[in-house]
């Protein structure tokens, strides 16, 4: 996929299970497209911009 999951706000680390997972609950069709690589970009990708909130408050 063109979107890098490592920089997505929906990609989080679960300390209890000690692995990363996506918060978005994909349906069957979306999961098929994701696993087959037929979809170029993730429609749920949002850049994890840690400083975005701070810039908004200024």
PDB file of N, CA and C in Angstrom:
ATOM      1  N   UNK A   1       0.835  -1.180   0.000  1.00  0.00           N
ATOM      2  CA  UNK A   1       0.000   0.000   0.000  1.00  0.00           C
ATOM      3  C   UNK A   1       0.880   1.244   0.000  1.00  0.00           C
ATOM      4  N   UNK A   2       0.396   2.304  -0.607  1.00  0.00           N
ATOM      5  CA  UNK A   2       1.145   3.542  -0.699  1.00  0.00           C
ATOM      6  C   UNK A   2       1.213   4.243   0.655  1.00  0.00           C
ATOM      7  N   UNK A   3       0.175   4.131   1.457  1.00  0.00           N
ATOM      8  CA  UNK A   3       0.166   4.745   2.772  1.00  0.00           C
ATOM      9  C   UNK A   3       0.989   3.895   3.730  1.00  0.00           C
ATOM     10  N   UNK A   4       1.789   4.559   4.529  1.00  0.00           N
ATOM     11  CA  UNK A   4       2.610   3.854   5.491  1.00  0.00           C
ATOM     12  C   UNK A   4       1.856   3.765   6.816  1.00  0.00           C
ATOM     13  N   UNK A   5       1.504   2.577   7.228  1.00  0.00           N
ATOM     14  CA  UNK A   5       0.730   2.391   8.461  1.00  0.00           C
ATOM     15  C   UNK A   5       1.473   2.915   9.687  1.00  0.00           C
ATOM     16  N   UNK A   6       2.801   2.909   9.652  1.00  0.00           N
ATOM     17  CA  UNK A   6       3.574   3.363  10.805  1.00  0.00           C
ATOM     18  C   UNK A   6       3.336   4.831  11.132  1.00  0.00           C
ATOM     19  N   UNK A   7       2.928   5.629  10.163  1.00  0.00           N
ATOM     20  CA  UNK A   7       2.703   7.053  10.398  1.00  0.00           C
ATOM     21  C   UNK A   7       1.220   7.397  10.494  1.00  0.00           C
ATOM     22  N   UNK A   8       0.369   6.398  10.591  1.00  0.00           N
ATOM     23  CA  UNK A   8      -1.077   6.613  10.651  1.00  0.00           C
ATOM     24  C   UNK A   8      -1.545   6.708  12.099  1.00  0.00           C
ATOM     25  N   UNK A   9      -2.483   7.617  12.347  1.00  0.00           N
ATOM     26  CA  UNK A   9      -3.025   7.801  13.687  1.00  0.00           C
ATOM     27  C   UNK A   9      -3.864   6.588  14.119  1.00  0.00           C
ATOM     28  N   UNK A  10      -4.363   5.802  13.163  1.00  0.00           N
ATOM     29  CA  UNK A  10      -5.181   4.627  13.472  1.00  0.00           C
ATOM     30  C   UNK A  10      -4.362   3.382  13.801  1.00  0.00           C
ATOM     31  N   UNK A  11      -3.044   3.458  13.667  1.00  0.00           N
ATOM     32  CA  UNK A  11      -2.164   2.318  13.905  1.00  0.00           C
ATOM     33  C   UNK A  11      -1.574   2.465  15.301  1.00  0.00           C
ATOM     34  N   UNK A  12      -2.047   1.670  16.254  1.00  0.00           N
ATOM     35  CA  UNK A  12      -1.665   1.840  17.654  1.00  0.00           C
ATOM     36  C   UNK A  12      -1.020   0.572  18.212  1.00  0.00           C
ATOM     37  N   UNK A  13      -0.264   0.766  19.282  1.00  0.00           N
ATOM     38  CA  UNK A  13       0.421  -0.345  19.943  1.00  0.00           C
ATOM     39  C   UNK A  13      -0.379  -0.783  21.160  1.00  0.00           C
ATOM     40  N   UNK A  14      -0.614  -2.073  21.255  1.00  0.00           N
ATOM     41  CA  UNK A  14      -1.312  -2.639  22.404  1.00  0.00           C
ATOM     42  C   UNK A  14      -0.269  -3.245  23.327  1.00  0.00           C
ATOM     43  N   UNK A  15      -0.083  -2.635  24.499  1.00  0.00           N
ATOM     44  CA  UNK A  15       0.944  -3.091  25.431  1.00  0.00           C
ATOM     45  C   UNK A  15       0.653  -4.479  25.991  1.00  0.00           C
ATOM     46  N   UNK A  16      -0.607  -4.796  26.146  1.00  0.00           N
ATOM     47  CA  UNK A  16      -0.980  -6.092  26.708  1.00  0.00           C
ATOM     48  C   UNK A  16      -0.605  -7.242  25.776  1.00  0.00           C
ATOM     49  N   UNK A  17      -0.909  -7.103  24.493  1.00  0.00           N
ATOM     50  CA  UNK A  17      -0.586  -8.167  23.535  1.00  0.00           C
ATOM     51  C   UNK A  17       0.764  -7.957  22.863  1.00  0.00           C
ATOM     52  N   UNK A  18       1.360  -6.769  23.061  1.00  0.00           N
ATOM     53  CA  UNK A  18       2.690  -6.428  22.557  1.00  0.00           C
ATOM     54  C   UNK A  18       2.786  -6.470  21.030  1.00  0.00           C
ATOM     55  N   UNK A  19       1.784  -5.927  20.357  1.00  0.00           N
ATOM     56  CA  UNK A  19       1.863  -5.770  18.904  1.00  0.00           C
ATOM     57  C   UNK A  19       1.003  -4.581  18.462  1.00  0.00           C
ATOM     58  N   UNK A  20       1.261  -4.117  17.242  1.00  0.00           N
ATOM     59  CA  UNK A  20       0.527  -3.003  16.657  1.00  0.00           C
ATOM     60  C   UNK A  20      -0.702  -3.522  15.921  1.00  0.00           C
ATOM     61  N   UNK A  21      -1.755  -2.727  15.894  1.00  0.00           N
ATOM     62  CA  UNK A  21      -2.941  -3.084  15.129  1.00  0.00           C
ATOM     63  C   UNK A  21      -3.646  -1.814  14.668  1.00  0.00           C
ATOM     64  N   UNK A  22      -4.521  -1.959  13.698  1.00  0.00           N
ATOM     65  CA  UNK A  22      -5.276  -0.846  13.137  1.00  0.00           C
ATOM     66  C   UNK A  22      -6.614  -0.723  13.866  1.00  0.00           C
ATOM     67  N   UNK A  23      -6.965   0.496  14.231  1.00  0.00           N
ATOM     68  CA  UNK A  23      -8.225   0.739  14.934  1.00  0.00           C
ATOM     69  C   UNK A  23      -9.443   0.673  14.025  1.00  0.00           C
ATOM     70  N   UNK A  24      -9.236   0.773  12.724  1.00  0.00           N
ATOM     71  CA  UNK A  24     -10.339   0.780  11.772  1.00  0.00           C
ATOM     72  C   UNK A  24     -10.848  -0.642  11.565  1.00  0.00           C
ATOM     73  N   UNK A  25     -12.142  -0.809  11.697  1.00  0.00           N
ATOM     74  CA  UNK A  25     -12.765  -2.116  11.512  1.00  0.00           C
ATOM     75  C   UNK A  25     -13.171  -2.262  10.048  1.00  0.00           C
ATOM     76  N   UNK A  26     -12.353  -2.985   9.266  1.00  0.00           N
ATOM     77  CA  UNK A  26     -12.610  -3.139   7.839  1.00  0.00           C
ATOM     78  C   UNK A  26     -13.679  -4.193   7.588  1.00  0.00           C
ATOM     79  N   UNK A  27     -14.519  -3.945   6.584  1.00  0.00           N
ATOM     80  CA  UNK A  27     -15.487  -4.969   6.208  1.00  0.00           C
ATOM     81  C   UNK A  27     -14.800  -5.984   5.284  1.00  0.00           C
ATOM     82  N   UNK A  28     -15.531  -6.993   4.854  1.00  0.00           N
ATOM     83  CA  UNK A  28     -14.953  -8.074   4.047  1.00  0.00           C
ATOM     84  C   UNK A  28     -14.297  -7.576   2.763  1.00  0.00           C
ATOM     85  N   UNK A  29     -14.991  -6.702   2.048  1.00  0.00           N
ATOM     86  CA  UNK A  29     -14.467  -6.201   0.773  1.00  0.00           C
ATOM     87  C   UNK A  29     -13.206  -5.371   0.973  1.00  0.00           C
ATOM     88  N   UNK A  30     -13.223  -4.496   1.975  1.00  0.00           N
ATOM     89  CA  UNK A  30     -12.045  -3.669   2.249  1.00  0.00           C
ATOM     90  C   UNK A  30     -10.856  -4.526   2.671  1.00  0.00           C
ATOM     91  N   UNK A  31     -11.108  -5.544   3.481  1.00  0.00           N
ATOM     92  CA  UNK A  31     -10.030  -6.426   3.929  1.00  0.00           C
ATOM     93  C   UNK A  31      -9.448  -7.197   2.745  1.00  0.00           C
ATOM     94  N   UNK A  32     -10.296  -7.647   1.832  1.00  0.00           N
ATOM     95  CA  UNK A  32      -9.810  -8.351   0.647  1.00  0.00           C
ATOM     96  C   UNK A  32      -8.908  -7.445  -0.191  1.00  0.00           C
ATOM     97  N   UNK A  33      -9.374  -6.214  -0.429  1.00  0.00           N
ATOM     98  CA  UNK A  33      -8.565  -5.267  -1.210  1.00  0.00           C
ATOM     99  C   UNK A  33      -7.245  -4.978  -0.513  1.00  0.00           C
ATOM    100  N   UNK A  34      -7.273  -4.849   0.813  1.00  0.00           N
ATOM    101  CA  UNK A  34      -6.063  -4.578   1.580  1.00  0.00           C
ATOM    102  C   UNK A  34      -5.068  -5.735   1.472  1.00  0.00           C
ATOM    103  N   UNK A  35      -5.544  -6.954   1.681  1.00  0.00           N
ATOM    104  CA  UNK A  35      -4.662  -8.123   1.670  1.00  0.00           C
ATOM    105  C   UNK A  35      -4.176  -8.484   0.271  1.00  0.00           C
ATOM    106  N   UNK A  36      -4.989  -8.224  -0.744  1.00  0.00           N
ATOM    107  CA  UNK A  36      -4.590  -8.559  -2.108  1.00  0.00           C
ATOM    108  C   UNK A  36      -3.697  -7.487  -2.728  1.00  0.00           C
ATOM    109  N   UNK A  37      -3.653  -6.319  -2.119  1.00  0.00           N
ATOM    110  CA  UNK A  37      -2.813  -5.241  -2.633  1.00  0.00           C
ATOM    111  C   UNK A  37      -3.411  -4.532  -3.828  1.00  0.00           C
ATOM    112  N   UNK A  38      -4.705  -4.735  -4.102  1.00  0.00           N
ATOM    113  CA  UNK A  38      -5.329  -4.112  -5.261  1.00  0.00           C
ATOM    114  C   UNK A  38      -5.708  -2.646  -5.009  1.00  0.00           C
ATOM    115  N   UNK A  39      -5.726  -2.242  -3.752  1.00  0.00           N
ATOM    116  CA  UNK A  39      -6.057  -0.856  -3.422  1.00  0.00           C
ATOM    117  C   UNK A  39      -4.764  -0.099  -3.165  1.00  0.00           C
ATOM    118  N   UNK A  40      -4.561   1.005  -3.856  1.00  0.00           N
ATOM    119  CA  UNK A  40      -3.304   1.748  -3.769  1.00  0.00           C
ATOM    120  C   UNK A  40      -3.163   2.502  -2.454  1.00  0.00           C
ATOM    121  N   UNK A  41      -4.216   3.132  -1.988  1.00  0.00           N
ATOM    122  CA  UNK A  41      -4.146   3.943  -0.782  1.00  0.00           C
ATOM    123  C   UNK A  41      -5.229   3.543   0.206  1.00  0.00           C
ATOM    124  N   UNK A  42      -4.904   3.652   1.466  1.00  0.00           N
ATOM    125  CA  UNK A  42      -5.877   3.360   2.517  1.00  0.00           C
ATOM    126  C   UNK A  42      -6.823   4.550   2.649  1.00  0.00           C
ATOM    127  N   UNK A  43      -8.123   4.318   2.551  1.00  0.00           N
ATOM    128  CA  UNK A  43      -9.072   5.436   2.647  1.00  0.00           C
ATOM    129  C   UNK A  43      -9.175   5.996   4.061  1.00  0.00           C
ATOM    130  N   UNK A  44      -8.632   5.309   5.048  1.00  0.00           N
ATOM    131  CA  UNK A  44      -8.721   5.742   6.438  1.00  0.00           C
ATOM    132  C   UNK A  44      -7.416   6.324   6.960  1.00  0.00           C
ATOM    133  N   UNK A  45      -6.419   6.463   6.090  1.00  0.00           N
ATOM    134  CA  UNK A  45      -5.120   6.965   6.518  1.00  0.00           C
ATOM    135  C   UNK A  45      -5.221   8.418   6.956  1.00  0.00           C
ATOM    136  N   UNK A  46      -4.724   8.690   8.157  1.00  0.00           N
ATOM    137  CA  UNK A  46      -4.581  10.053   8.670  1.00  0.00           C
ATOM    138  C   UNK A  46      -3.206  10.161   9.286  1.00  0.00           C
ATOM    139  N   UNK A  47      -2.445  11.162   8.873  1.00  0.00           N
ATOM    140  CA  UNK A  47      -1.092  11.351   9.368  1.00  0.00           C
ATOM    141  C   UNK A  47      -1.113  11.603  10.870  1.00  0.00           C
ATOM    142  N   UNK A  48      -0.256  10.903  11.597  1.00  0.00           N
ATOM    143  CA  UNK A  48      -0.149  11.073  13.047  1.00  0.00           C
ATOM    144  C   UNK A  48       0.737  12.272  13.319  1.00  0.00           C
ATOM    145  N   UNK A  49       0.149  13.457  13.333  1.00  0.00           N
ATOM    146  CA  UNK A  49       0.871  14.705  13.527  1.00  0.00           C
ATOM    147  C   UNK A  49       0.775  15.097  14.996  1.00  0.00           C
ATOM    148  N   UNK A  50       1.798  14.774  15.777  1.00  0.00           N
ATOM    149  CA  UNK A  50       1.780  15.032  17.216  1.00  0.00           C
ATOM    150  C   UNK A  50       1.681  16.512  17.545  1.00  0.00           C
ATOM    151  N   UNK A  51       2.198  17.363  16.683  1.00  0.00           N
ATOM    152  CA  UNK A  51       2.226  18.789  16.972  1.00  0.00           C
ATOM    153  C   UNK A  51       1.041  19.538  16.355  1.00  0.00           C
ATOM    154  N   UNK A  52       0.163  18.850  15.689  1.00  0.00           N
ATOM    155  CA  UNK A  52      -0.993  19.482  15.080  1.00  0.00           C
ATOM    156  C   UNK A  52      -1.899  20.159  16.096  1.00  0.00           C
ATOM    157  N   UNK A  53      -2.111  19.526  17.228  1.00  0.00           N
ATOM    158  CA  UNK A  53      -2.967  20.097  18.278  1.00  0.00           C
ATOM    159  C   UNK A  53      -2.322  21.344  18.849  1.00  0.00           C
ATOM    160  N   UNK A  54      -1.022  21.306  19.043  1.00  0.00           N
ATOM    161  CA  UNK A  54      -0.313  22.460  19.600  1.00  0.00           C
ATOM    162  C   UNK A  54      -0.394  23.643  18.647  1.00  0.00           C
ATOM    163  N   UNK A  55      -0.195  23.404  17.356  1.00  0.00           N
ATOM    164  CA  UNK A  55      -0.283  24.493  16.375  1.00  0.00           C
ATOM    165  C   UNK A  55      -1.693  25.076  16.349  1.00  0.00           C
ATOM    166  N   UNK A  56      -2.681  24.231  16.547  1.00  0.00           N
ATOM    167  CA  UNK A  56      -4.073  24.698  16.540  1.00  0.00           C
ATOM    168  C   UNK A  56      -4.363  25.583  17.745  1.00  0.00           C
ATOM    169  N   UNK A  57      -3.738  25.318  18.888  1.00  0.00           N
ATOM    170  CA  UNK A  57      -3.978  26.073  20.113  1.00  0.00           C
ATOM    171  C   UNK A  57      -3.301  27.436  20.106  1.00  0.00           C
ATOM    172  N   UNK A  58      -2.288  27.611  19.274  1.00  0.00           N
ATOM    173  CA  UNK A  58      -1.534  28.878  19.256  1.00  0.00           C
ATOM    174  C   UNK A  58      -2.294  29.979  18.596  1.00  0.00           C
TER     175      UNK A  58
END
